Amino acid sequence: MATLVIRHGVANYDSWRTTYDDAETLRTKHGCTQDRVLRDPNDDELLVVHEFPDLDAARAFADDPELAQAMQTAGVTGPPRIEFYTDA
C-alpha cells in the first residue's frame, strides 16, 4: 500500500473541485483505491490524499502528464508539494 499526499493552493475551490471530480478516470487508471480532500478553513490551501496498491502506481499517477494538465486547468497556484508514504 502507498499513500500519495499532494498539498497546493487553488485560485477557486469550486472550479478546482469540478476538475478534480472530472479526473476520476485518471485516478482509476492508476489504481487509486481511496481519495480524500482536506481544505484549510482560512484559505484555499488543499491537502489531497490518495491510496494506491503500491509505490509504483502512486508514482506513475504523480508523473502522468494528464495530472499536470488537470492541475493547470483546475487553477492550482504555485508548484504542488508531492510526497509518498508506504506502510511501516
Protein backbone atom coordinates (compact mmCIF):
# COMPACT_ATOMS: atom_id res chain seq x y z
CA MET A 1 0.00 0.00 0.00
CA ALA A 2 1.25 3.50 -0.83
CA THR A 3 -0.13 6.91 0.03
CA LEU A 4 0.36 9.95 -2.17
CA VAL A 5 -0.11 13.31 -0.47
CA ILE A 6 -0.39 16.50 -2.53
CA ARG A 7 -0.58 19.96 -0.99
CA HIS A 8 -1.29 23.04 -3.07
CA GLY A 9 -3.24 26.25 -3.24
CA VAL A 10 -6.06 26.89 -5.69
CA ALA A 11 -7.41 30.08 -7.20
CA ASN A 12 -11.03 28.99 -6.76
CA TYR A 13 -12.09 25.88 -4.84
CA ASP A 14 -15.34 25.29 -6.72
CA SER A 15 -13.59 25.36 -10.10
CA TRP A 16 -10.84 23.12 -8.76
CA ARG A 17 -13.37 20.64 -7.37
CA THR A 18 -15.14 20.31 -10.71
CA THR A 19 -11.86 19.44 -12.44
CA TYR A 20 -10.86 17.10 -9.60
CA ASP A 21 -14.14 15.21 -9.87
CA ASP A 22 -13.78 15.01 -13.66
CA ALA A 23 -10.32 13.40 -13.19
CA GLU A 24 -11.80 10.31 -11.53
CA THR A 25 -10.94 8.20 -14.59
CA LEU A 26 -7.28 9.26 -14.30
CA ARG A 27 -7.17 8.15 -10.66
CA THR A 28 -8.87 4.87 -11.56
CA LYS A 29 -6.45 4.29 -14.45
CA HIS A 30 -3.57 4.27 -11.97
CA GLY A 31 -5.33 2.08 -9.42
CA CYS A 32 -6.28 4.69 -6.84
CA THR A 33 -8.34 2.86 -4.21
CA GLN A 34 -9.29 5.80 -1.99
CA ASP A 35 -9.07 9.59 -2.05
CA ARG A 36 -9.72 12.38 0.39
CA VAL A 37 -9.63 16.16 0.06
CA LEU A 38 -8.96 18.38 3.06
CA ARG A 39 -9.30 22.15 2.89
CA ASP A 40 -7.70 24.79 5.10
CA PRO A 41 -10.66 26.69 6.60
CA ASN A 42 -8.79 30.01 6.32
CA ASP A 43 -7.90 29.94 2.62
CA ASP A 44 -7.91 27.78 -0.49
CA GLU A 45 -4.99 25.57 0.53
CA LEU A 46 -5.74 21.88 -0.04
CA LEU A 47 -4.32 18.59 1.18
CA VAL A 48 -5.26 15.75 -1.16
CA VAL A 49 -4.60 12.16 -0.10
CA HIS A 50 -4.71 9.19 -2.48
CA GLU A 51 -4.20 5.50 -1.70
CA PHE A 52 -2.64 3.14 -4.25
CA PRO A 53 -1.84 -0.58 -4.20
CA ASP A 54 1.90 0.12 -4.41
CA LEU A 55 4.51 2.85 -4.72
CA ASP A 56 4.99 2.33 -8.46
CA ALA A 57 1.30 3.05 -9.10
CA ALA A 58 1.41 6.17 -6.92
CA ARG A 59 4.49 7.47 -8.72
CA ALA A 60 3.01 6.70 -12.14
CA PHE A 61 -0.05 8.76 -11.22
CA ALA A 62 2.05 11.66 -9.94
CA ASP A 63 4.19 11.61 -13.09
CA ASP A 64 1.29 11.35 -15.53
CA PRO A 65 1.17 14.43 -17.81
CA GLU A 66 -2.63 14.30 -17.58
CA LEU A 67 -2.36 15.09 -13.87
CA ALA A 68 -0.17 18.12 -14.55
CA GLN A 69 -2.67 19.30 -17.16
CA ALA A 70 -5.60 18.77 -14.79
CA MET A 71 -3.84 20.78 -12.09
CA GLN A 72 -3.24 23.62 -14.52
CA THR A 73 -6.84 23.53 -15.73
CA ALA A 74 -8.10 23.42 -12.13
CA GLY A 75 -6.27 26.61 -11.19
CA VAL A 76 -3.59 25.24 -8.88
CA THR A 77 -1.47 28.16 -7.72
CA GLY A 78 2.24 27.56 -7.45
CA PRO A 79 4.07 24.26 -7.56
CA PRO A 80 2.39 21.44 -5.63
CA ARG A 81 4.16 19.69 -2.77
CA ILE A 82 4.05 15.95 -3.54
CA GLU A 83 5.04 13.28 -1.02
CA PHE A 84 4.92 9.48 -0.98
CA TYR A 85 4.46 7.22 2.03
CA THR A 86 4.33 3.44 2.46
CA ASP A 87 3.07 1.32 5.32
CA ALA A 88 5.70 0.89 8.03
